[in-house]
Protein backbone atom coordinates (compact mmCIF):
# COMPACT_ATOMS: atom_id res chain seq x y z
CA MET A 1 118.98 93.89 231.88
CA GLU A 2 121.96 93.45 234.14
CA ARG A 3 125.35 92.81 232.61
CA GLU A 4 125.80 89.45 234.40
CA THR A 5 122.38 88.24 233.29
CA MET A 6 123.10 89.19 229.70
CA LEU A 7 126.48 87.43 229.78
CA SER A 8 124.88 84.33 231.25
CA LEU A 9 122.24 84.25 228.51
CA ILE A 10 124.89 84.62 225.82
CA LEU A 11 127.09 81.87 227.26
CA ASP A 12 124.11 79.55 227.71
CA SER A 13 123.33 79.87 224.01
CA TYR A 14 126.68 78.30 223.00
CA PRO A 15 126.50 74.57 222.22
CA TYR A 16 129.83 73.97 224.00
CA PRO A 17 130.54 73.41 227.70
CA ILE A 18 131.96 76.60 229.27
CA LEU A 19 133.40 76.76 232.79
CA PHE A 20 134.97 79.62 234.69
CA VAL A 21 137.23 78.45 237.50
CA ASP A 22 139.12 80.61 240.00
CA CYS A 23 142.66 80.15 241.30
CA ASP A 24 141.38 77.94 244.14
CA HIS A 25 139.83 75.54 241.60
CA ILE A 26 136.29 76.55 242.51
CA ILE A 27 133.82 76.65 239.64
CA ARG A 28 132.44 80.19 239.47
CA TYR A 29 130.27 79.73 236.39
CA MET A 30 129.00 76.79 234.37
CA ASN A 31 126.77 77.25 231.33
CA LYS A 32 123.79 74.99 230.66
CA ARG A 33 125.71 72.77 228.21
CA ALA A 34 128.49 72.25 230.77
CA GLU A 35 125.94 71.33 233.44
CA TYR A 36 124.40 68.77 231.11
CA HIS A 37 127.79 67.43 229.97
CA TYR A 38 129.36 67.03 233.40
CA TYR A 39 126.25 66.16 235.38
CA GLN A 40 124.21 64.01 232.97
CA GLU A 41 126.73 62.55 230.52
CA ARG A 42 129.82 62.16 232.71
CA GLY A 43 128.16 61.73 236.11
CA TYR A 44 130.29 64.27 237.97
CA ARG A 45 127.55 65.24 240.41
CA ASP A 46 130.10 66.52 242.94
CA LEU A 47 131.03 69.40 240.59
CA ILE A 48 127.56 70.91 240.68
CA TRP A 49 127.37 71.55 244.43
CA GLN A 50 130.73 73.33 244.41
CA ILE A 51 129.56 76.12 242.11
CA ALA A 52 129.94 79.45 243.88
CA ILE A 53 127.42 82.06 242.84
């Protein structure tokens, strides 16, 4: 298993929203709880399309 995949699985298992943002304010990672929180609960749909993979 790749290191990035393993890290993603670990962070997705946390029940808290986790975001990694770079110095240009671009979201580089968002775990599943953060996606649910910001997209479903808060309605910040514009955040999702800015995620850089």
